[in-house]
Protein backbone atom coordinates (compact mmCIF):
# COMPACT_ATOMS: atom_id res chain seq x y z
CA MET A 1 16.34 -92.56 162.51
CA GLY A 2 12.98 -92.16 161.32
CA ASN A 3 11.30 -91.43 158.11
CA THR A 4 12.27 -87.62 157.44
CA ASP A 5 10.82 -87.68 153.91
CA VAL A 6 8.75 -84.82 153.71
CA ARG A 7 5.84 -84.93 150.81
CA VAL A 8 5.46 -81.47 149.60
CA ARG A 9 2.08 -81.55 147.68
CA GLY A 10 0.66 -78.62 145.63
CA LEU A 11 -2.73 -76.78 146.05
CA ALA A 12 -4.16 -78.71 143.01
CA ALA A 13 -2.86 -82.21 144.56
CA ARG A 14 -4.36 -81.27 147.88
CA ALA A 15 -7.54 -79.99 146.39
CA GLY A 16 -7.88 -83.29 144.21
CA GLY A 17 -7.29 -85.48 147.30
CA TRP A 18 -9.97 -83.58 149.12
CA SER A 19 -12.43 -83.72 146.27
CA ALA A 20 -11.89 -87.68 146.05
CA ARG A 21 -12.42 -88.14 149.83
CA HIS A 22 -15.43 -85.70 149.62
CA ARG A 23 -16.99 -86.51 146.45
CA TRP A 24 -20.57 -85.17 147.09
CA ALA A 25 -19.47 -82.03 149.07
CA ALA A 26 -17.19 -81.39 145.93
CA VAL A 27 -20.13 -81.72 143.43
CA GLY A 28 -22.33 -79.58 145.76
CA ILE A 29 -19.68 -76.92 145.76
CA TRP A 30 -19.31 -76.91 142.04
CA VAL A 31 -22.99 -76.82 141.60
CA LEU A 32 -23.19 -73.79 143.91
CA PHE A 33 -20.40 -72.09 142.14
CA VAL A 34 -22.35 -72.36 138.83
CA VAL A 35 -25.42 -71.27 140.37
CA LEU A 36 -23.70 -68.09 142.06
CA ALA A 37 -21.90 -67.24 138.70
CA MET A 38 -25.14 -67.43 136.61
CA GLY A 39 -26.89 -65.28 139.34
CA PHE A 40 -24.11 -62.73 139.30
CA GLY A 41 -23.90 -62.68 135.47
CA SER A 42 -27.61 -62.03 135.46
CA ALA A 43 -27.63 -59.52 137.99
CA ALA A 44 -24.94 -57.39 136.21
CA GLY A 45 -27.07 -57.36 133.10
CA ARG A 46 -26.02 -56.89 129.36
CA VAL A 47 -25.28 -53.97 127.21
CA ASP A 48 -26.66 -53.98 123.65
CA VAL A 49 -24.23 -52.49 121.11
CA ASP A 50 -25.50 -51.49 117.73
CA GLN A 51 -24.25 -52.97 114.59
CA SER A 52 -22.60 -49.82 113.51
CA ASP A 53 -20.74 -49.25 116.94
CA GLN A 54 -19.25 -52.71 116.68
CA LEU A 55 -17.78 -52.04 113.52
CA ASN A 56 -16.38 -48.75 114.32
CA ARG A 57 -14.84 -50.10 117.23
CA TRP A 58 -12.64 -52.27 115.40
CA ALA A 59 -12.10 -50.10 112.71
CA TRP A 60 -8.64 -49.02 113.70
CA ALA A 61 -7.29 -52.65 114.09
CA TRP A 62 -8.15 -53.73 110.41
CA PRO A 63 -6.33 -53.98 107.98
CA PRO A 64 -2.96 -54.37 109.89
CA ARG A 65 -0.60 -51.82 109.18
CA CYS A 66 3.11 -52.70 108.76
């Protein structure tokens, strides 16, 4: 009889183990992710909302009705 214990590890545990074994690769991937996220957010642009439009959007929600 051999050792039949099968160790089931979740995704987070496997990712943590990989990150511990490949520290610089993990840091590089995180830096790449941040740069790409900032780039996509910048490329998406923004929409400026007037103060009056912002207040009118939430006028229906306040005061709360019982």
